[in-house]
Amino acid sequence: MNRRELIKGLTAIGALSILPSSILFGQAQDKPLHFIGIGDAGRKVLKHIHQKKIPAKYTCIACSCWHLPWYNSSVLPEDIHVIQLSHIGSSYESEDTSYGQLTFIESYLQTPMKVSTEVTDLFKDDNRYILLAGLGGFTGTFLAEKLTLMLDENKKDFLTICSLPFSFEGKKRSTWANKVRQNLRSIPNVKYFD
């Protein structure tokens, strides 16, 4: 494991520290739990929480970037449902796979993404939803914002947990993360850690 992977893996530890202890220790819940990992950071946290064997439904939402090894669904246990987003397109074909999506993020700021029916259908049940996302990249940043606003508007029981970008990830990522943070500032059940 390289240094960058180790640092990114700390996202799971931060998310676990924010989760209510009743969830972590499997105490009875009034509603079924549904953990939803969004993007790469969300996938890593979701996988770690899944290993704790917390009784819940698990879903990962990620882009369909099969040429990038960390988005391959085979790295997730079979009982984690995977939804692949296909809207990202050729912006991930950059040789710099770490930051290839930045051009697409800039275009997103001018043309907002629509959330697919497959994603919105995840929230039809009366569950307690825990959204897990890293801010700074495309999927986690913008989908976490849209889903959080949607859940709040529909008065769903949810908690959104977001990690903030590390300083070495660049100023643009921090700017996008801070914009989302400002947009969600009025929603009390959104938690951040860095």
N, C-alpha and C. Protein backbone atom coordinates (compact mmCIF):
# COMPACT_ATOMS: atom_id res chain seq x y z
N MET A 1 0.86 -1.17 0.00
CA MET A 1 0.00 0.00 0.00
C MET A 1 0.90 1.23 0.00
N ASN A 2 0.67 2.16 -0.96
CA ASN A 2 1.48 3.35 -0.99
C ASN A 2 0.94 4.40 -0.02
N ARG A 3 1.69 5.46 0.18
CA ARG A 3 1.34 6.49 1.15
C ARG A 3 -0.02 7.12 0.85
N ARG A 4 -0.27 7.39 -0.43
CA ARG A 4 -1.54 8.02 -0.83
C ARG A 4 -2.73 7.12 -0.49
N GLU A 5 -2.61 5.81 -0.77
CA GLU A 5 -3.68 4.87 -0.44
C GLU A 5 -3.88 4.78 1.07
N LEU A 6 -2.80 4.79 1.83
CA LEU A 6 -2.90 4.75 3.28
C LEU A 6 -3.66 5.98 3.79
N ILE A 7 -3.28 7.15 3.30
CA ILE A 7 -3.94 8.38 3.75
C ILE A 7 -5.41 8.36 3.36
N LYS A 8 -5.73 7.95 2.13
CA LYS A 8 -7.12 7.89 1.70
C LYS A 8 -7.90 6.86 2.53
N GLY A 9 -7.25 5.78 2.94
CA GLY A 9 -7.92 4.77 3.76
C GLY A 9 -8.32 5.29 5.13
N LEU A 10 -7.71 6.35 5.57
CA LEU A 10 -8.08 6.95 6.86
C LEU A 10 -9.48 7.54 6.83
N THR A 11 -10.02 7.74 5.63
CA THR A 11 -11.38 8.23 5.48
C THR A 11 -12.35 7.32 6.22
N ALA A 12 -12.13 6.02 6.14
CA ALA A 12 -13.02 5.07 6.81
C ALA A 12 -13.00 5.26 8.32
N ILE A 13 -11.83 5.50 8.87
CA ILE A 13 -11.72 5.71 10.31
C ILE A 13 -12.46 6.97 10.72
N GLY A 14 -12.33 8.03 9.94
CA GLY A 14 -13.05 9.27 10.24
C GLY A 14 -14.55 9.08 10.20
N ALA A 15 -15.03 8.37 9.19
CA ALA A 15 -16.47 8.13 9.07
C ALA A 15 -16.99 7.31 10.24
N LEU A 16 -16.23 6.31 10.64
CA LEU A 16 -16.66 5.48 11.77
C LEU A 16 -16.75 6.29 13.06
N SER A 17 -15.86 7.28 13.21
CA SER A 17 -15.90 8.09 14.43
C SER A 17 -17.13 8.99 14.48
N ILE A 18 -17.73 9.29 13.34
CA ILE A 18 -18.91 10.15 13.29
C ILE A 18 -20.21 9.36 13.45
N LEU A 19 -20.20 8.09 13.06
CA LEU A 19 -21.42 7.28 13.15
C LEU A 19 -21.87 7.14 14.59
N PRO A 20 -23.15 7.22 14.85
CA PRO A 20 -23.66 7.00 16.21
C PRO A 20 -23.30 5.60 16.70
N SER A 21 -22.95 5.49 17.98
CA SER A 21 -22.52 4.20 18.52
C SER A 21 -23.61 3.15 18.42
N SER A 22 -24.88 3.54 18.43
CA SER A 22 -25.97 2.56 18.30
C SER A 22 -25.89 1.82 16.97
N ILE A 23 -25.40 2.48 15.94
CA ILE A 23 -25.24 1.84 14.64
C ILE A 23 -24.02 0.91 14.66
N LEU A 24 -22.92 1.42 15.20
CA LEU A 24 -21.69 0.63 15.20
C LEU A 24 -21.79 -0.65 16.01
N PHE A 25 -22.54 -0.59 17.09
CA PHE A 25 -22.60 -1.75 17.97
C PHE A 25 -23.86 -2.58 17.77
N GLY A 26 -24.55 -2.35 16.66
CA GLY A 26 -25.65 -3.21 16.25
C GLY A 26 -26.88 -3.15 17.13
N GLN A 27 -27.08 -2.06 17.85
CA GLN A 27 -28.29 -1.96 18.67
C GLN A 27 -29.50 -1.85 17.76
N ALA A 28 -30.63 -2.26 18.28
CA ALA A 28 -31.86 -2.28 17.49
C ALA A 28 -32.18 -0.88 16.95
N GLN A 29 -32.56 -0.85 15.70
CA GLN A 29 -32.92 0.40 15.04
C GLN A 29 -34.42 0.40 14.77
N ASP A 30 -35.02 1.58 14.79
CA ASP A 30 -36.44 1.66 14.48
C ASP A 30 -36.70 1.53 12.98
N LYS A 31 -35.67 1.73 12.16
CA LYS A 31 -35.78 1.60 10.71
C LYS A 31 -34.58 0.81 10.20
N PRO A 32 -34.75 0.12 9.08
CA PRO A 32 -33.58 -0.57 8.49
C PRO A 32 -32.52 0.44 8.04
N LEU A 33 -31.26 0.07 8.19
CA LEU A 33 -30.15 0.91 7.75
C LEU A 33 -29.82 0.64 6.29
N HIS A 34 -29.42 1.69 5.60
CA HIS A 34 -28.95 1.55 4.22
C HIS A 34 -27.73 2.46 4.07
N PHE A 35 -26.54 1.86 3.99
CA PHE A 35 -25.30 2.61 3.77
C PHE A 35 -25.11 2.77 2.27
N ILE A 36 -24.79 3.99 1.85
CA ILE A 36 -24.57 4.28 0.43
C ILE A 36 -23.23 4.99 0.28
N GLY A 37 -22.27 4.30 -0.33
CA GLY A 37 -20.97 4.89 -0.61
C GLY A 37 -21.00 5.55 -1.97
N ILE A 38 -20.55 6.81 -2.03
CA ILE A 38 -20.61 7.58 -3.27
C ILE A 38 -19.19 7.92 -3.70
N GLY A 39 -18.81 7.50 -4.91
CA GLY A 39 -17.47 7.77 -5.43
C GLY A 39 -16.43 6.86 -4.79
N ASP A 40 -15.17 7.16 -5.06
CA ASP A 40 -14.08 6.29 -4.61
C ASP A 40 -13.92 6.31 -3.10
N ALA A 41 -13.92 7.47 -2.49
CA ALA A 41 -13.77 7.54 -1.03
C ALA A 41 -14.97 6.87 -0.35
N GLY A 42 -16.16 7.10 -0.87
CA GLY A 42 -17.36 6.47 -0.31
C GLY A 42 -17.30 4.96 -0.43
N ARG A 43 -16.76 4.46 -1.54
CA ARG A 43 -16.61 3.01 -1.74
C ARG A 43 -15.68 2.41 -0.69
N LYS A 44 -14.58 3.10 -0.41
CA LYS A 44 -13.62 2.59 0.58
C LYS A 44 -14.23 2.54 1.97
N VAL A 45 -14.94 3.59 2.34
CA VAL A 45 -15.58 3.63 3.66
C VAL A 45 -16.66 2.55 3.74
N LEU A 46 -17.45 2.44 2.69
CA LEU A 46 -18.53 1.44 2.64
C LEU A 46 -17.96 0.03 2.83
N LYS A 47 -16.89 -0.26 2.15
CA LYS A 47 -16.26 -1.58 2.25
C LYS A 47 -15.80 -1.84 3.68
N HIS A 48 -15.23 -0.83 4.31
CA HIS A 48 -14.74 -0.98 5.69
C HIS A 48 -15.91 -1.19 6.65
N ILE A 49 -16.97 -0.43 6.51
CA ILE A 49 -18.14 -0.57 7.38
C ILE A 49 -18.78 -1.93 7.16
N HIS A 50 -18.83 -2.37 5.91
CA HIS A 50 -19.39 -3.70 5.59
C HIS A 50 -18.64 -4.80 6.34
N GLN A 51 -17.32 -4.64 6.47
CA GLN A 51 -16.51 -5.63 7.18
C GLN A 51 -16.85 -5.71 8.66
N LYS A 52 -17.47 -4.67 9.21
CA LYS A 52 -17.88 -4.67 10.61
C LYS A 52 -19.15 -5.49 10.82
N LYS A 53 -19.73 -5.96 9.72
CA LYS A 53 -20.93 -6.81 9.74
C LYS A 53 -22.12 -6.14 10.43
N ILE A 54 -22.26 -4.85 10.20
CA ILE A 54 -23.42 -4.12 10.70
C ILE A 54 -24.61 -4.54 9.84
N PRO A 55 -25.70 -4.99 10.45
CA PRO A 55 -26.86 -5.42 9.66
C PRO A 55 -27.47 -4.24 8.91
N ALA A 56 -27.34 -4.26 7.60
CA ALA A 56 -27.81 -3.14 6.77
C ALA A 56 -27.80 -3.56 5.32
N LYS A 57 -28.38 -2.71 4.50
CA LYS A 57 -28.28 -2.83 3.05
C LYS A 57 -27.09 -1.95 2.65
N TYR A 58 -26.33 -2.37 1.64
CA TYR A 58 -25.14 -1.65 1.21
C TYR A 58 -25.20 -1.39 -0.29
N THR A 59 -24.96 -0.14 -0.68
CA THR A 59 -24.95 0.23 -2.09
C THR A 59 -23.75 1.12 -2.36
N CYS A 60 -23.10 0.91 -3.49
CA CYS A 60 -21.99 1.77 -3.93
C CYS A 60 -22.39 2.43 -5.25
N ILE A 61 -22.24 3.75 -5.31
CA ILE A 61 -22.51 4.49 -6.54
C ILE A 61 -21.17 5.02 -7.04
N ALA A 62 -20.77 4.62 -8.23
CA ALA A 62 -19.48 5.03 -8.78
C ALA A 62 -19.59 5.22 -10.28
N CYS A 63 -18.61 5.90 -10.84
CA CYS A 63 -18.61 6.08 -12.29
C CYS A 63 -18.19 4.77 -12.95
N SER A 64 -18.54 4.62 -14.20
CA SER A 64 -18.20 3.39 -14.92
C SER A 64 -16.85 3.54 -15.61
N CYS A 65 -15.84 3.67 -14.80
CA CYS A 65 -14.47 3.86 -15.31
C CYS A 65 -13.72 2.54 -15.15
N TRP A 66 -14.09 1.57 -15.95
CA TRP A 66 -13.54 0.24 -15.77
C TRP A 66 -12.05 0.15 -16.03
N HIS A 67 -11.49 1.13 -16.74
CA HIS A 67 -10.05 1.08 -16.97
C HIS A 67 -9.28 1.59 -15.75
N LEU A 68 -9.99 2.13 -14.75
CA LEU A 68 -9.35 2.54 -13.51
C LEU A 68 -9.60 1.44 -12.47
N PRO A 69 -8.54 0.82 -11.96
CA PRO A 69 -8.72 -0.37 -11.12
C PRO A 69 -9.55 -0.15 -9.86
N TRP A 70 -9.55 1.04 -9.26
CA TRP A 70 -10.27 1.23 -8.01
C TRP A 70 -11.78 1.34 -8.21
N TYR A 71 -12.26 1.44 -9.44
CA TYR A 71 -13.69 1.48 -9.67
C TYR A 71 -14.26 0.13 -10.09
N ASN A 72 -13.44 -0.88 -10.15
CA ASN A 72 -13.89 -2.20 -10.57
C ASN A 72 -14.71 -2.82 -9.45
N SER A 73 -15.96 -3.17 -9.73
CA SER A 73 -16.86 -3.68 -8.69
C SER A 73 -16.39 -5.01 -8.11
N SER A 74 -15.47 -5.71 -8.78
CA SER A 74 -15.01 -6.99 -8.25
C SER A 74 -14.25 -6.82 -6.93
N VAL A 75 -13.83 -5.61 -6.59
CA VAL A 75 -13.13 -5.39 -5.34
C VAL A 75 -14.10 -5.26 -4.17
N LEU A 76 -15.40 -5.29 -4.44
CA LEU A 76 -16.41 -5.20 -3.39
C LEU A 76 -17.05 -6.57 -3.17
N PRO A 77 -17.47 -6.86 -1.94
CA PRO A 77 -18.19 -8.11 -1.70
C PRO A 77 -19.46 -8.17 -2.54
N GLU A 78 -19.89 -9.39 -2.83
CA GLU A 78 -21.04 -9.58 -3.72
C GLU A 78 -22.33 -9.00 -3.18
N ASP A 79 -22.48 -8.88 -1.86
CA ASP A 79 -23.74 -8.37 -1.32
C ASP A 79 -23.79 -6.84 -1.25
N ILE A 80 -22.81 -6.17 -1.83
CA ILE A 80 -22.87 -4.71 -1.99
C ILE A 80 -23.36 -4.44 -3.40
N HIS A 81 -24.53 -3.83 -3.49
CA HIS A 81 -25.11 -3.48 -4.79
C HIS A 81 -24.31 -2.32 -5.39
N VAL A 82 -23.96 -2.42 -6.66
CA VAL A 82 -23.18 -1.38 -7.34
C VAL A 82 -24.03 -0.72 -8.42
N ILE A 83 -24.08 0.60 -8.38
CA ILE A 83 -24.72 1.37 -9.45
C ILE A 83 -23.61 2.13 -10.16
N GLN A 84 -23.48 1.88 -11.46
CA GLN A 84 -22.46 2.55 -12.25
C GLN A 84 -23.08 3.74 -12.97
N LEU A 85 -22.47 4.87 -12.78
CA LEU A 85 -22.91 6.06 -13.50
C LEU A 85 -22.16 6.12 -14.82
N SER A 86 -22.86 6.39 -15.89
CA SER A 86 -22.21 6.42 -17.20
C SER A 86 -22.10 7.82 -17.76
N HIS A 87 -22.38 8.84 -16.96
CA HIS A 87 -22.41 10.21 -17.46
C HIS A 87 -21.05 10.87 -17.55
N ILE A 88 -20.01 10.25 -17.04
CA ILE A 88 -18.74 10.94 -16.94
C ILE A 88 -18.02 11.00 -18.28
N GLY A 89 -18.13 9.98 -19.08
CA GLY A 89 -17.62 10.03 -20.44
C GLY A 89 -16.13 10.10 -20.56
N SER A 90 -15.68 10.76 -21.61
CA SER A 90 -14.27 10.71 -21.99
C SER A 90 -13.36 11.56 -21.11
N SER A 91 -13.90 12.33 -20.19
CA SER A 91 -13.03 13.16 -19.36
C SER A 91 -12.10 12.31 -18.51
N TYR A 92 -12.42 11.02 -18.28
CA TYR A 92 -11.55 10.15 -17.51
C TYR A 92 -10.46 9.51 -18.36
N GLU A 93 -10.40 9.82 -19.63
CA GLU A 93 -9.42 9.18 -20.49
C GLU A 93 -8.06 9.88 -20.47
N SER A 94 -7.93 10.85 -19.59
CA SER A 94 -6.67 11.54 -19.43
C SER A 94 -5.62 10.55 -18.91
N GLU A 95 -4.35 10.78 -19.28
CA GLU A 95 -3.31 9.91 -18.75
C GLU A 95 -3.15 10.11 -17.25
N ASP A 96 -3.45 11.29 -16.74
CA ASP A 96 -3.37 11.57 -15.31
C ASP A 96 -4.68 11.11 -14.68
N THR A 97 -4.76 9.81 -14.33
CA THR A 97 -6.01 9.25 -13.84
C THR A 97 -6.43 9.82 -12.49
N SER A 98 -5.51 10.39 -11.75
CA SER A 98 -5.89 10.96 -10.46
C SER A 98 -6.73 12.21 -10.61
N TYR A 99 -6.48 12.97 -11.65
CA TYR A 99 -7.16 14.25 -11.79
C TYR A 99 -7.81 14.43 -13.15
N GLY A 100 -8.05 13.33 -13.86
CA GLY A 100 -8.63 13.39 -15.19
C GLY A 100 -10.03 13.95 -15.24
N GLN A 101 -10.76 13.94 -14.12
CA GLN A 101 -12.14 14.39 -14.13
C GLN A 101 -12.28 15.90 -13.95
N LEU A 102 -11.22 16.62 -13.74
CA LEU A 102 -11.37 18.04 -13.43
C LEU A 102 -12.02 18.83 -14.56
N THR A 103 -11.73 18.50 -15.81
CA THR A 103 -12.37 19.18 -16.92
C THR A 103 -13.87 18.96 -16.88
N PHE A 104 -14.28 17.75 -16.54
CA PHE A 104 -15.70 17.47 -16.47
C PHE A 104 -16.36 18.23 -15.33
N ILE A 105 -15.68 18.36 -14.20
CA ILE A 105 -16.24 19.11 -13.07
C ILE A 105 -16.47 20.55 -13.48
N GLU A 106 -15.52 21.12 -14.20
CA GLU A 106 -15.70 22.50 -14.65
C GLU A 106 -16.91 22.62 -15.56
N SER A 107 -17.13 21.63 -16.43
CA SER A 107 -18.30 21.70 -17.30
C SER A 107 -19.59 21.45 -16.51
N TYR A 108 -19.50 20.67 -15.42
CA TYR A 108 -20.67 20.44 -14.57
C TYR A 108 -21.17 21.75 -13.97
N LEU A 109 -20.24 22.60 -13.61
CA LEU A 109 -20.63 23.87 -12.99
C LEU A 109 -21.53 24.68 -13.92
N GLN A 110 -21.45 24.43 -15.21
CA GLN A 110 -22.29 25.14 -16.18
C GLN A 110 -23.52 24.33 -16.57
N THR A 111 -23.45 23.00 -16.54
CA THR A 111 -24.57 22.13 -16.92
C THR A 111 -24.76 21.08 -15.83
N PRO A 112 -25.68 21.28 -14.90
CA PRO A 112 -25.84 20.34 -13.78
C PRO A 112 -26.21 18.93 -14.22
N MET A 113 -25.70 17.97 -13.49
CA MET A 113 -25.95 16.56 -13.72
C MET A 113 -27.37 16.21 -13.27
N LYS A 114 -28.02 15.32 -13.99
CA LYS A 114 -29.32 14.80 -13.57
C LYS A 114 -29.08 13.48 -12.85
N VAL A 115 -29.79 13.27 -11.77
CA VAL A 115 -29.66 12.03 -11.01
C VAL A 115 -30.57 10.99 -11.66
N SER A 116 -30.02 9.81 -11.95
CA SER A 116 -30.76 8.77 -12.65
C SER A 116 -31.87 8.19 -11.77
N THR A 117 -32.85 7.61 -12.42
CA THR A 117 -33.96 6.96 -11.72
C THR A 117 -33.45 5.81 -10.87
N GLU A 118 -32.44 5.09 -11.36
CA GLU A 118 -31.88 3.99 -10.59
C GLU A 118 -31.34 4.47 -9.24
N VAL A 119 -30.76 5.66 -9.23
CA VAL A 119 -30.24 6.22 -7.98
C VAL A 119 -31.39 6.72 -7.10
N THR A 120 -32.31 7.49 -7.65
CA THR A 120 -33.40 8.01 -6.82
C THR A 120 -34.29 6.89 -6.28
N ASP A 121 -34.39 5.78 -7.00
CA ASP A 121 -35.19 4.65 -6.52
C ASP A 121 -34.61 4.03 -5.24
N LEU A 122 -33.35 4.26 -4.97
CA LEU A 122 -32.74 3.75 -3.73
C LEU A 122 -33.44 4.30 -2.49
N PHE A 123 -34.08 5.46 -2.64
CA PHE A 123 -34.61 6.17 -1.48
C PHE A 123 -36.12 6.08 -1.35
N LYS A 124 -36.73 5.11 -2.02
CA LYS A 124 -38.18 4.95 -1.94
C LYS A 124 -38.64 4.36 -0.61
N ASP A 125 -37.81 3.51 -0.01
CA ASP A 125 -38.20 2.84 1.23
C ASP A 125 -38.06 3.78 2.42
N ASP A 126 -38.67 3.37 3.52
CA ASP A 126 -38.58 4.15 4.76
C ASP A 126 -37.41 3.61 5.59
N ASN A 127 -36.20 3.85 5.09
CA ASN A 127 -34.98 3.40 5.75
C ASN A 127 -34.28 4.57 6.42
N ARG A 128 -33.25 4.25 7.17
CA ARG A 128 -32.34 5.27 7.68
C ARG A 128 -31.12 5.21 6.76
N TYR A 129 -30.91 6.28 6.01
CA TYR A 129 -29.85 6.32 5.00
C TYR A 129 -28.60 6.98 5.56
N ILE A 130 -27.46 6.34 5.31
CA ILE A 130 -26.16 6.90 5.68
C ILE A 130 -25.39 7.06 4.38
N LEU A 131 -25.20 8.31 3.94
CA LEU A 131 -24.43 8.61 2.73
C LEU A 131 -22.98 8.83 3.13
N LEU A 132 -22.07 8.21 2.39
CA LEU A 132 -20.64 8.30 2.65
C LEU A 132 -19.95 8.80 1.39
N ALA A 133 -19.27 9.93 1.48
CA ALA A 133 -18.65 10.49 0.27
C ALA A 133 -17.41 11.29 0.63
N GLY A 134 -16.50 11.34 -0.32
CA GLY A 134 -15.36 12.23 -0.23
C GLY A 134 -15.62 13.42 -1.14
N LEU A 135 -15.38 14.61 -0.64
CA LEU A 135 -15.59 15.80 -1.47
C LEU A 135 -14.30 16.17 -2.19
N GLY A 136 -14.44 16.71 -3.38
CA GLY A 136 -13.28 17.15 -4.16
C GLY A 136 -13.25 16.57 -5.55
N GLY A 137 -13.65 15.32 -5.72
CA GLY A 137 -13.76 14.70 -7.04
C GLY A 137 -15.18 14.88 -7.54
N PHE A 138 -15.49 14.34 -8.71
CA PHE A 138 -16.81 14.58 -9.28
C PHE A 138 -17.92 13.82 -8.56
N THR A 139 -17.85 12.50 -8.53
CA THR A 139 -18.98 11.71 -8.06
C THR A 139 -19.34 12.02 -6.62
N GLY A 140 -18.37 11.97 -5.73
CA GLY A 140 -18.64 12.24 -4.33
C GLY A 140 -19.13 13.66 -4.08
N THR A 141 -18.48 14.62 -4.71
CA THR A 141 -18.80 16.02 -4.45
C THR A 141 -20.21 16.38 -4.88
N PHE A 142 -20.52 16.16 -6.13
CA PHE A 142 -21.77 16.67 -6.65
C PHE A 142 -22.96 15.74 -6.40
N LEU A 143 -22.73 14.44 -6.39
CA LEU A 143 -23.84 13.54 -6.12
C LEU A 143 -24.21 13.57 -4.63
N ALA A 144 -23.23 13.69 -3.77
CA ALA A 144 -23.52 13.81 -2.33
C ALA A 144 -24.38 15.04 -2.07
N GLU A 145 -24.05 16.14 -2.73
CA GLU A 145 -24.84 17.36 -2.56
C GLU A 145 -26.27 17.16 -3.04
N LYS A 146 -26.44 16.64 -4.24
CA LYS A 146 -27.78 16.47 -4.80
C LYS A 146 -28.63 15.51 -3.97
N LEU A 147 -28.04 14.39 -3.56
CA LEU A 147 -28.80 13.41 -2.79
C LEU A 147 -29.14 13.94 -1.40
N THR A 148 -28.22 14.65 -0.78
CA THR A 148 -28.49 15.23 0.54
C THR A 148 -29.64 16.22 0.46
N LEU A 149 -29.61 17.09 -0.54
CA LEU A 149 -30.70 18.06 -0.70
C LEU A 149 -32.02 17.34 -0.96
N MET A 150 -31.99 16.29 -1.77
CA MET A 150 -33.20 15.54 -2.08
C MET A 150 -33.76 14.86 -0.82
N LEU A 151 -32.90 14.22 -0.04
CA LEU A 151 -33.33 13.55 1.18
C LEU A 151 -33.91 14.54 2.18
N ASP A 152 -33.27 15.69 2.31
CA ASP A 152 -33.75 16.71 3.23
C ASP A 152 -35.12 17.23 2.78
N GLU A 153 -35.25 17.51 1.51
CA GLU A 153 -36.51 18.01 0.96
C GLU A 153 -37.66 17.01 1.15
N ASN A 154 -37.34 15.72 1.03
CA ASN A 154 -38.36 14.67 1.18
C ASN A 154 -38.51 14.20 2.63
N LYS A 155 -37.85 14.88 3.55
CA LYS A 155 -37.96 14.59 4.99
C LYS A 155 -37.61 13.14 5.33
N LYS A 156 -36.58 12.64 4.68
CA LYS A 156 -36.11 11.28 4.95
C LYS A 156 -35.19 11.28 6.16
N ASP A 157 -35.05 10.13 6.80
CA ASP A 157 -34.14 9.95 7.92
C ASP A 157 -32.76 9.63 7.33
N PHE A 158 -31.81 10.54 7.48
CA PHE A 158 -30.50 10.32 6.86
C PHE A 158 -29.39 11.03 7.62
N LEU A 159 -28.17 10.61 7.34
CA LEU A 159 -26.96 11.25 7.81
C LEU A 159 -26.00 11.22 6.64
N THR A 160 -25.43 12.36 6.29
CA THR A 160 -24.41 12.42 5.24
C THR A 160 -23.07 12.67 5.91
N ILE A 161 -22.10 11.82 5.61
CA ILE A 161 -20.75 11.95 6.17
C ILE A 161 -19.79 12.17 5.01
N CYS A 162 -19.09 13.31 5.04
CA CYS A 162 -18.18 13.67 3.95
C CYS A 162 -16.77 13.91 4.47
N SER A 163 -15.79 13.41 3.73
CA SER A 163 -14.41 13.77 4.03
C SER A 163 -14.03 14.93 3.12
N LEU A 164 -13.17 15.79 3.63
CA LEU A 164 -12.70 16.94 2.85
C LEU A 164 -11.38 16.59 2.19
N PRO A 165 -11.06 17.24 1.07
CA PRO A 165 -9.82 16.91 0.36
C PRO A 165 -8.58 17.27 1.19
N PHE A 166 -7.54 16.49 0.99
CA PHE A 166 -6.26 16.81 1.59
C PHE A 166 -5.65 18.00 0.84
N SER A 167 -4.80 18.77 1.50
CA SER A 167 -4.22 19.96 0.87
C SER A 167 -3.40 19.60 -0.37
N PHE A 168 -2.74 18.44 -0.39
CA PHE A 168 -1.93 18.06 -1.56
C PHE A 168 -2.78 17.73 -2.78
N GLU A 169 -4.11 17.62 -2.63
CA GLU A 169 -4.98 17.33 -3.76
C GLU A 169 -5.30 18.57 -4.59
N GLY A 170 -4.88 19.72 -4.13
CA GLY A 170 -5.01 20.93 -4.94
C GLY A 170 -6.12 21.87 -4.52
N LYS A 171 -5.96 23.10 -4.96
CA LYS A 171 -6.88 24.17 -4.58
C LYS A 171 -8.26 24.01 -5.22
N LYS A 172 -8.32 23.52 -6.48
CA LYS A 172 -9.61 23.37 -7.15
C LYS A 172 -10.51 22.40 -6.39
N ARG A 173 -9.96 21.28 -5.96
CA ARG A 173 -10.75 20.31 -5.21
C ARG A 173 -11.27 20.92 -3.91
N SER A 174 -10.42 21.65 -3.24
CA SER A 174 -10.86 22.31 -2.00
C SER A 174 -11.94 23.34 -2.27
N THR A 175 -11.81 24.06 -3.36
CA THR A 175 -12.81 25.06 -3.73
C THR A 175 -14.16 24.40 -3.98
N TRP A 176 -14.18 23.31 -4.75
CA TRP A 176 -15.43 22.61 -5.03
C TRP A 176 -16.04 22.03 -3.75
N ALA A 177 -15.18 21.46 -2.90
CA ALA A 177 -15.68 20.89 -1.64
C ALA A 177 -16.28 21.99 -0.76
N ASN A 178 -15.63 23.12 -0.69
CA ASN A 178 -16.15 24.23 0.13
C ASN A 178 -17.44 24.79 -0.42
N LYS A 179 -17.58 24.78 -1.74
CA LYS A 179 -18.84 25.25 -2.34
C LYS A 179 -20.00 24.35 -1.92
N VAL A 180 -19.78 23.04 -1.98
CA VAL A 180 -20.81 22.09 -1.56
C VAL A 180 -21.09 22.26 -0.07
N ARG A 181 -20.05 22.42 0.70
CA ARG A 181 -20.21 22.61 2.16
C ARG A 181 -21.09 23.84 2.44
N GLN A 182 -20.86 24.92 1.71
CA GLN A 182 -21.69 26.12 1.87
C GLN A 182 -23.14 25.84 1.47
N ASN A 183 -23.34 25.11 0.39
CA ASN A 183 -24.69 24.80 -0.09
C ASN A 183 -25.46 23.93 0.90
N LEU A 184 -24.75 23.15 1.70
CA LEU A 184 -25.40 22.24 2.64
C LEU A 184 -25.36 22.74 4.08
N ARG A 185 -24.88 23.93 4.30
CA ARG A 185 -24.66 24.42 5.67
C ARG A 185 -25.92 24.47 6.52
N SER A 186 -27.08 24.60 5.92
CA SER A 186 -28.32 24.70 6.70
C SER A 186 -28.90 23.34 7.07
N ILE A 187 -28.28 22.27 6.62
CA ILE A 187 -28.80 20.92 6.90
C ILE A 187 -27.99 20.33 8.07
N PRO A 188 -28.64 20.12 9.21
CA PRO A 188 -27.90 19.71 10.41
C PRO A 188 -27.34 18.28 10.35
N ASN A 189 -27.93 17.40 9.56
CA ASN A 189 -27.43 16.03 9.56
C ASN A 189 -26.41 15.77 8.46
N VAL A 190 -25.52 16.73 8.26
CA VAL A 190 -24.36 16.56 7.38
C VAL A 190 -23.12 16.80 8.24
N LYS A 191 -22.22 15.84 8.24
CA LYS A 191 -21.02 15.91 9.06
C LYS A 191 -19.79 15.85 8.16
N TYR A 192 -18.75 16.56 8.54
CA TYR A 192 -17.51 16.61 7.77
C TYR A 192 -16.33 16.26 8.65
N PHE A 193 -15.31 15.72 8.04
CA PHE A 193 -14.04 15.55 8.73
C PHE A 193 -12.92 15.70 7.70
N ASP A 194 -11.75 16.07 8.20
CA ASP A 194 -10.59 16.20 7.30
C ASP A 194 -9.38 15.52 7.89
